[in-house]
N, C-alpha and C. Protein backbone atom coordinates (compact mmCIF):
# COMPACT_ATOMS: atom_id res chain seq x y z
N MET A 1 14.37 23.79 -64.18
CA MET A 1 14.17 22.52 -64.33
C MET A 1 15.28 22.47 -63.14
N THR A 2 16.65 22.66 -62.48
CA THR A 2 17.13 21.88 -61.80
C THR A 2 16.70 21.75 -60.11
N ARG A 3 16.20 23.27 -59.78
CA ARG A 3 15.72 24.18 -58.83
C ARG A 3 14.11 22.56 -58.67
N LEU A 4 13.46 22.83 -59.23
CA LEU A 4 11.97 21.75 -58.95
C LEU A 4 12.60 19.77 -58.78
N PHE A 5 14.12 20.46 -59.51
CA PHE A 5 14.49 18.37 -59.28
C PHE A 5 14.59 18.69 -57.55
N TYR A 6 15.45 19.41 -57.86
CA TYR A 6 16.31 19.47 -56.08
C TYR A 6 15.19 19.67 -54.92
N TYR A 7 14.50 20.47 -55.46
CA TYR A 7 12.89 20.43 -54.36
C TYR A 7 12.57 19.11 -54.46
N LEU A 8 11.69 18.67 -55.44
CA LEU A 8 11.34 17.53 -55.88
C LEU A 8 12.55 15.97 -54.40
N MET A 9 13.79 16.19 -55.06
CA MET A 9 14.36 15.17 -53.77
C MET A 9 14.32 15.43 -52.43
N ALA A 10 14.65 16.41 -52.05
CA ALA A 10 14.58 16.78 -50.92
C ALA A 10 13.23 17.07 -50.20
N PHE A 11 11.92 16.97 -50.68
CA PHE A 11 11.21 16.36 -50.49
C PHE A 11 10.56 15.00 -49.71
N THR A 12 10.97 14.10 -51.33
CA THR A 12 11.05 12.12 -51.59
C THR A 12 11.89 12.28 -49.64
N LEU A 13 13.24 12.91 -49.45
CA LEU A 13 13.65 12.35 -48.46
C LEU A 13 13.88 13.21 -47.73
N LEU A 14 13.73 14.27 -46.54
CA LEU A 14 12.84 14.56 -45.71
C LEU A 14 11.32 13.95 -45.32
N ALA A 15 10.74 14.05 -45.82
CA ALA A 15 9.68 13.55 -45.57
C ALA A 15 8.86 12.30 -44.81
N PRO A 16 9.59 10.60 -44.98
CA PRO A 16 9.20 10.32 -44.41
C PRO A 16 10.16 10.49 -42.57
N LEU A 17 10.56 11.74 -42.17
CA LEU A 17 10.93 11.91 -41.81
C LEU A 17 10.11 13.19 -40.39
N MET A 18 9.12 13.63 -41.06
CA MET A 18 8.55 14.63 -40.50
C MET A 18 6.77 13.77 -39.96
N THR A 19 7.52 12.58 -41.05
CA THR A 19 5.91 11.54 -40.51
C THR A 19 5.43 10.54 -39.46
N HIS A 20 6.53 10.73 -38.94
CA HIS A 20 7.30 9.62 -37.80
C HIS A 20 6.95 10.07 -36.32
N GLY A 21 6.02 9.96 -35.75
CA GLY A 21 5.29 11.00 -34.16
C GLY A 21 6.06 9.66 -34.14
N GLN A 22 6.64 9.97 -31.94
CA GLN A 22 7.41 9.07 -31.43
C GLN A 22 5.97 8.31 -29.81
N TYR A 23 7.07 7.19 -30.22
CA TYR A 23 5.45 6.28 -28.86
C TYR A 23 6.39 5.61 -28.11
N TYR A 24 5.67 5.52 -26.80
CA TYR A 24 5.70 5.22 -25.48
C TYR A 24 5.66 4.08 -25.35
N PHE A 25 6.23 3.45 -24.94
CA PHE A 25 5.67 1.97 -24.59
C PHE A 25 6.00 1.97 -23.44
N LYS A 26 5.60 1.12 -21.96
CA LYS A 26 5.48 1.75 -20.72
C LYS A 26 5.84 -0.77 -21.40
N HIS A 27 6.76 -1.44 -20.08
CA HIS A 27 6.57 -2.68 -20.02
C HIS A 27 6.50 -3.13 -18.30
N TYR A 28 5.26 -3.43 -18.63
CA TYR A 28 4.44 -3.78 -17.45
C TYR A 28 5.32 -5.60 -16.91
N GLN A 29 5.48 -5.18 -15.68
CA GLN A 29 5.52 -7.09 -15.64
C GLN A 29 5.26 -7.12 -13.95
N VAL A 30 4.97 -8.85 -13.27
CA VAL A 30 4.66 -8.79 -12.11
C VAL A 30 5.22 -7.91 -10.89
N ASP A 31 5.55 -7.55 -11.07
CA ASP A 31 6.37 -6.49 -9.63
C ASP A 31 4.90 -5.55 -10.21
N ASP A 32 4.65 -4.60 -10.89
CA ASP A 32 3.63 -3.62 -12.29
C ASP A 32 2.39 -4.24 -11.32
N GLY A 33 2.26 -5.43 -10.67
CA GLY A 33 0.04 -6.31 -10.53
C GLY A 33 -0.44 -6.93 -11.47
N LEU A 34 0.29 -6.92 -12.47
CA LEU A 34 1.04 -8.18 -13.43
C LEU A 34 0.82 -9.13 -12.76
N LEU A 35 -0.69 -10.43 -13.80
CA LEU A 35 -0.18 -11.74 -12.49
C LEU A 35 0.87 -12.66 -13.09
N HIS A 36 0.63 -12.89 -14.13
CA HIS A 36 2.40 -13.45 -14.27
C HIS A 36 2.77 -12.47 -15.69
N ASN A 37 4.57 -13.54 -16.01
CA ASN A 37 4.32 -11.80 -17.46
C ASN A 37 3.81 -12.43 -18.56
N ALA A 38 3.74 -14.01 -18.96
CA ALA A 38 3.04 -14.07 -20.18
C ALA A 38 2.73 -13.37 -19.47
N VAL A 39 1.54 -12.48 -21.33
CA VAL A 39 0.35 -11.78 -21.43
C VAL A 39 0.23 -13.20 -22.62
N THR A 40 -0.89 -13.54 -22.92
CA THR A 40 -1.16 -14.50 -23.58
C THR A 40 -2.46 -13.65 -24.59
N SER A 41 -3.21 -12.43 -24.42
CA SER A 41 -4.65 -11.82 -24.60
C SER A 41 -4.66 -10.41 -24.67
N VAL A 42 -5.07 -10.46 -25.05
CA VAL A 42 -5.32 -8.82 -24.48
C VAL A 42 -6.08 -8.15 -25.24
N ILE A 43 -7.80 -7.15 -24.71
CA ILE A 43 -9.17 -7.18 -25.22
C ILE A 43 -9.35 -5.76 -24.92
N GLN A 44 -9.51 -5.16 -25.10
CA GLN A 44 -10.44 -3.06 -24.54
C GLN A 44 -11.18 -3.85 -24.56
N ASP A 45 -11.94 -2.62 -23.49
CA ASP A 45 -13.53 -2.75 -23.33
C ASP A 45 -14.66 -2.25 -23.65
N ARG A 46 -16.01 -1.40 -23.99
CA ARG A 46 -16.57 -0.31 -24.66
C ARG A 46 -15.76 0.51 -23.21
N GLU A 47 -15.79 0.36 -22.32
CA GLU A 47 -15.17 1.01 -21.49
C GLU A 47 -13.65 1.55 -21.00
N GLY A 48 -12.92 1.03 -22.18
CA GLY A 48 -11.34 1.64 -21.96
C GLY A 48 -11.43 0.98 -20.64
N LEU A 49 -11.47 0.03 -20.92
CA LEU A 49 -9.99 -1.57 -19.94
C LEU A 49 -9.85 -2.13 -20.53
N LEU A 50 -8.04 -2.27 -19.91
CA LEU A 50 -7.78 -3.36 -20.74
C LEU A 50 -8.02 -4.81 -20.23
N TRP A 51 -8.33 -6.24 -20.68
CA TRP A 51 -8.92 -7.13 -20.48
C TRP A 51 -6.91 -8.05 -20.72
N VAL A 52 -6.89 -9.00 -19.85
CA VAL A 52 -4.91 -9.09 -19.99
C VAL A 52 -5.00 -10.15 -19.83
N GLY A 53 -5.33 -11.62 -20.49
CA GLY A 53 -5.35 -12.73 -20.22
C GLY A 53 -3.77 -13.20 -19.98
N THR A 54 -3.12 -14.41 -19.07
CA THR A 54 -1.83 -14.79 -18.47
C THR A 54 -1.97 -15.68 -18.16
N ARG A 55 -0.78 -16.61 -18.72
CA ARG A 55 -1.11 -18.24 -18.26
C ARG A 55 -1.55 -18.31 -16.46
N ALA A 56 -0.60 -17.21 -15.82
CA ALA A 56 -2.15 -17.44 -14.09
C ALA A 56 -3.23 -16.73 -14.40
N GLY A 57 -4.25 -16.31 -14.72
CA GLY A 57 -5.28 -15.88 -15.45
C GLY A 57 -5.82 -14.16 -15.50
N LEU A 58 -6.71 -14.54 -15.49
CA LEU A 58 -6.90 -12.56 -15.49
C LEU A 58 -7.16 -11.44 -15.26
N ASP A 59 -6.48 -10.52 -16.19
CA ASP A 59 -6.19 -9.16 -15.20
C ASP A 59 -7.14 -7.76 -15.67
N ARG A 60 -7.87 -7.42 -15.22
CA ARG A 60 -7.74 -5.85 -15.68
C ARG A 60 -7.09 -4.91 -15.25
N PHE A 61 -6.60 -4.02 -16.65
CA PHE A 61 -6.38 -3.09 -16.38
C PHE A 61 -7.25 -1.42 -16.73
N ASP A 62 -6.75 -0.73 -15.28
CA ASP A 62 -7.53 0.40 -16.27
C ASP A 62 -6.44 1.55 -16.35
N GLY A 63 -5.35 0.62 -16.71
CA GLY A 63 -4.02 2.80 -16.84
C GLY A 63 -4.13 3.31 -16.06
N TYR A 64 -3.43 2.69 -14.56
CA TYR A 64 -2.65 2.27 -13.92
C TYR A 64 -2.79 1.13 -13.43
N THR A 65 -3.05 0.82 -12.70
CA THR A 65 -3.73 -0.56 -11.96
C THR A 65 -3.79 -2.39 -12.42
N PHE A 66 -3.28 -3.10 -12.18
CA PHE A 66 -3.83 -4.11 -12.81
C PHE A 66 -4.50 -5.10 -11.93
N LYS A 67 -6.17 -5.84 -11.52
CA LYS A 67 -7.19 -5.97 -11.25
C LYS A 67 -7.67 -7.09 -10.94
N PRO A 68 -6.53 -7.78 -10.02
CA PRO A 68 -7.01 -9.79 -11.20
C PRO A 68 -8.80 -10.20 -10.42
N CYS A 69 -9.23 -10.76 -11.91
CA CYS A 69 -10.77 -10.82 -12.30
C CYS A 69 -10.96 -11.90 -11.27
N GLU A 70 -11.87 -12.21 -9.91
CA GLU A 70 -12.17 -12.15 -9.16
C GLU A 70 -13.62 -12.91 -9.35
N ASN A 71 -13.88 -14.49 -9.04
CA ASN A 71 -14.92 -15.50 -8.99
C ASN A 71 -15.26 -14.07 -7.62
N LYS A 72 -17.30 -14.82 -7.95
CA LYS A 72 -18.10 -14.38 -6.22
C LYS A 72 -17.39 -14.36 -4.43
N ASN A 73 -16.25 -15.57 -4.91
CA ASN A 73 -16.08 -16.14 -4.09
C ASN A 73 -14.12 -15.83 -3.57
N ARG A 74 -13.94 -14.73 -4.58
CA ARG A 74 -13.63 -14.11 -4.08
C ARG A 74 -11.19 -14.62 -4.34
N GLN A 75 -12.33 -15.22 -5.74
CA GLN A 75 -10.95 -16.26 -5.76
C GLN A 75 -10.06 -15.72 -7.12
N SER A 76 -9.10 -15.89 -7.39
CA SER A 76 -8.74 -15.26 -8.82
C SER A 76 -9.06 -16.63 -9.76
N ILE A 77 -8.77 -16.60 -10.89
CA ILE A 77 -9.52 -17.01 -12.51
C ILE A 77 -8.20 -17.61 -12.76
N THR A 78 -6.85 -18.24 -11.75
CA THR A 78 -5.41 -19.45 -12.16
C THR A 78 -5.24 -20.08 -12.66
N SER A 79 -6.36 -21.78 -12.83
CA SER A 79 -7.08 -22.74 -13.21
C SER A 79 -6.27 -22.86 -14.66
N VAL A 80 -6.83 -22.09 -15.20
CA VAL A 80 -6.80 -22.46 -16.55
C VAL A 80 -5.46 -20.80 -17.43
N ILE A 81 -5.03 -21.15 -18.71
CA ILE A 81 -4.56 -20.47 -19.28
C ILE A 81 -5.58 -19.58 -20.76
N ILE A 82 -5.41 -18.68 -20.42
CA ILE A 82 -6.20 -17.25 -20.95
C ILE A 82 -6.59 -17.06 -22.20
N LEU A 83 -6.61 -17.98 -23.34
CA LEU A 83 -6.04 -17.69 -24.49
C LEU A 83 -7.06 -16.10 -25.57
């Protein structure tokens, strides 16, 4: 009975350690191509692109680079805050 108790105790203590994965976070800034450091919204489309709304406009992120969203006149959307 004591052996079972020790196994259960060991499992209870070690189980949380076995389930934690490692996560990698990359912090992007204006130096990385982001329009502004203050991000107000993020959404992912069906193609896997991230659309990032900032205080300076709208960016599209493909996993490698940021590209500002532009209208037909090649002006970026910068006059409004994207929520």
